[in-house]
Amino acid sequence: MVAVRHLKNSKNLTILNQQTVLNECAS
């Protein structure tokens, strides 16, 4: 259960990081 939650958190963090990079590139 903990591993699954960790995987989910990692995926969310990756998406957040990608959005941040895109925003920085756009500005």
PDB file of N, CA and C in Angstrom:
ATOM      1  N   MET A   1       0.847  -1.208   0.000  1.00  0.00           N
ATOM      2  CA  MET A   1       0.000   0.000   0.000  1.00  0.00           C
ATOM      3  C   MET A   1       0.880   1.255   0.000  1.00  0.00           C
ATOM      4  N   VAL A   2       1.864   1.276   0.870  1.00  0.00           N
ATOM      5  CA  VAL A   2       2.738   2.450   0.965  1.00  0.00           C
ATOM      6  C   VAL A   2       3.485   2.653  -0.355  1.00  0.00           C
ATOM      7  N   ALA A   3       3.925   1.553  -0.959  1.00  0.00           N
ATOM      8  CA  ALA A   3       4.668   1.646  -2.217  1.00  0.00           C
ATOM      9  C   ALA A   3       3.786   2.238  -3.314  1.00  0.00           C
ATOM     10  N   VAL A   4       2.529   1.807  -3.347  1.00  0.00           N
ATOM     11  CA  VAL A   4       1.600   2.324  -4.358  1.00  0.00           C
ATOM     12  C   VAL A   4       1.406   3.814  -4.161  1.00  0.00           C
ATOM     13  N   ARG A   5       1.234   4.227  -2.927  1.00  0.00           N
ATOM     14  CA  ARG A   5       1.029   5.641  -2.621  1.00  0.00           C
ATOM     15  C   ARG A   5       2.282   6.439  -3.010  1.00  0.00           C
ATOM     16  N   HIS A   6       3.432   5.848  -2.758  1.00  0.00           N
ATOM     17  CA  HIS A   6       4.687   6.525  -3.090  1.00  0.00           C
ATOM     18  C   HIS A   6       4.799   6.703  -4.602  1.00  0.00           C
ATOM     19  N   LEU A   7       4.412   5.657  -5.342  1.00  0.00           N
ATOM     20  CA  LEU A   7       4.454   5.743  -6.801  1.00  0.00           C
ATOM     21  C   LEU A   7       3.531   6.841  -7.283  1.00  0.00           C
ATOM     22  N   LYS A   8       2.350   6.915  -6.692  1.00  0.00           N
ATOM     23  CA  LYS A   8       1.371   7.943  -7.084  1.00  0.00           C
ATOM     24  C   LYS A   8       1.938   9.326  -6.809  1.00  0.00           C
ATOM     25  N   ASN A   9       2.551   9.501  -5.636  1.00  0.00           N
ATOM     26  CA  ASN A   9       3.125  10.796  -5.285  1.00  0.00           C
ATOM     27  C   ASN A   9       4.234  11.171  -6.250  1.00  0.00           C
ATOM     28  N   SER A  10       5.057  10.205  -6.620  1.00  0.00           N
ATOM     29  CA  SER A  10       6.159  10.470  -7.550  1.00  0.00           C
ATOM     30  C   SER A  10       5.606  10.912  -8.896  1.00  0.00           C
ATOM     31  N   LYS A  11       4.535  10.238  -9.330  1.00  0.00           N
ATOM     32  CA  LYS A  11       3.944  10.586 -10.620  1.00  0.00           C
ATOM     33  C   LYS A  11       3.398  12.007 -10.568  1.00  0.00           C
ATOM     34  N   ASN A  12       2.718  12.348  -9.464  1.00  0.00           N
ATOM     35  CA  ASN A  12       2.162  13.699  -9.314  1.00  0.00           C
ATOM     36  C   ASN A  12       3.274  14.735  -9.294  1.00  0.00           C
ATOM     37  N   LEU A  13       4.362  14.433  -8.616  1.00  0.00           N
ATOM     38  CA  LEU A  13       5.482  15.369  -8.537  1.00  0.00           C
ATOM     39  C   LEU A  13       6.084  15.574  -9.922  1.00  0.00           C
ATOM     40  N   THR A  14       6.189  14.491 -10.679  1.00  0.00           N
ATOM     41  CA  THR A  14       6.759  14.590 -12.023  1.00  0.00           C
ATOM     42  C   THR A  14       5.893  15.495 -12.888  1.00  0.00           C
ATOM     43  N   ILE A  15       4.573  15.323 -12.796  1.00  0.00           N
ATOM     44  CA  ILE A  15       3.649  16.153 -13.577  1.00  0.00           C
ATOM     45  C   ILE A  15       3.788  17.614 -13.151  1.00  0.00           C
ATOM     46  N   LEU A  16       3.866  17.842 -11.849  1.00  0.00           N
ATOM     47  CA  LEU A  16       4.018  19.213 -11.342  1.00  0.00           C
ATOM     48  C   LEU A  16       5.320  19.829 -11.853  1.00  0.00           C
ATOM     49  N   ASN A  17       6.390  19.055 -11.820  1.00  0.00           N
ATOM     50  CA  ASN A  17       7.683  19.557 -12.279  1.00  0.00           C
ATOM     51  C   ASN A  17       7.633  19.891 -13.758  1.00  0.00           C
ATOM     52  N   GLN A  18       6.985  19.051 -14.555  1.00  0.00           N
ATOM     53  CA  GLN A  18       6.875  19.291 -15.992  1.00  0.00           C
ATOM     54  C   GLN A  18       6.090  20.570 -16.243  1.00  0.00           C
ATOM     55  N   GLN A  19       5.017  20.778 -15.498  1.00  0.00           N
ATOM     56  CA  GLN A  19       4.212  21.989 -15.666  1.00  0.00           C
ATOM     57  C   GLN A  19       5.024  23.218 -15.294  1.00  0.00           C
ATOM     58  N   THR A  20       5.813  23.104 -14.245  1.00  0.00           N
ATOM     59  CA  THR A  20       6.636  24.233 -13.813  1.00  0.00           C
ATOM     60  C   THR A  20       7.660  24.583 -14.882  1.00  0.00           C
ATOM     61  N   VAL A  21       8.288  23.569 -15.446  1.00  0.00           N
ATOM     62  CA  VAL A  21       9.289  23.798 -16.507  1.00  0.00           C
ATOM     63  C   VAL A  21       8.623  24.448 -17.704  1.00  0.00           C
ATOM     64  N   LEU A  22       7.456  23.974 -18.070  1.00  0.00           N
ATOM     65  CA  LEU A  22       6.740  24.549 -19.215  1.00  0.00           C
ATOM     66  C   LEU A  22       6.417  26.007 -18.940  1.00  0.00           C
ATOM     67  N   ASN A  23       5.981  26.300 -17.724  1.00  0.00           N
ATOM     68  CA  ASN A  23       5.647  27.676 -17.370  1.00  0.00           C
ATOM     69  C   ASN A  23       6.877  28.569 -17.438  1.00  0.00           C
ATOM     70  N   GLU A  24       8.009  28.063 -16.988  1.00  0.00           N
ATOM     71  CA  GLU A  24       9.243  28.852 -17.004  1.00  0.00           C
ATOM     72  C   GLU A  24       9.675  29.110 -18.440  1.00  0.00           C
ATOM     73  N   CYS A  25       9.498  28.119 -19.292  1.00  0.00           N
ATOM     74  CA  CYS A  25       9.881  28.280 -20.702  1.00  0.00           C
ATOM     75  C   CYS A  25       8.958  29.287 -21.390  1.00  0.00           C
ATOM     76  N   ALA A  26       7.689  29.274 -21.007  1.00  0.00           N
ATOM     77  CA  ALA A  26       6.707  30.143 -21.666  1.00  0.00           C
ATOM     78  C   ALA A  26       6.921  31.604 -21.267  1.00  0.00           C
ATOM     79  N   SER A  27       7.375  31.818 -20.032  1.00  0.00           N
ATOM     80  CA  SER A  27       7.498  33.199 -19.561  1.00  0.00           C
ATOM     81  C   SER A  27       8.826  33.828 -19.970  1.00  0.00           C
TER      82      SER A  27
END
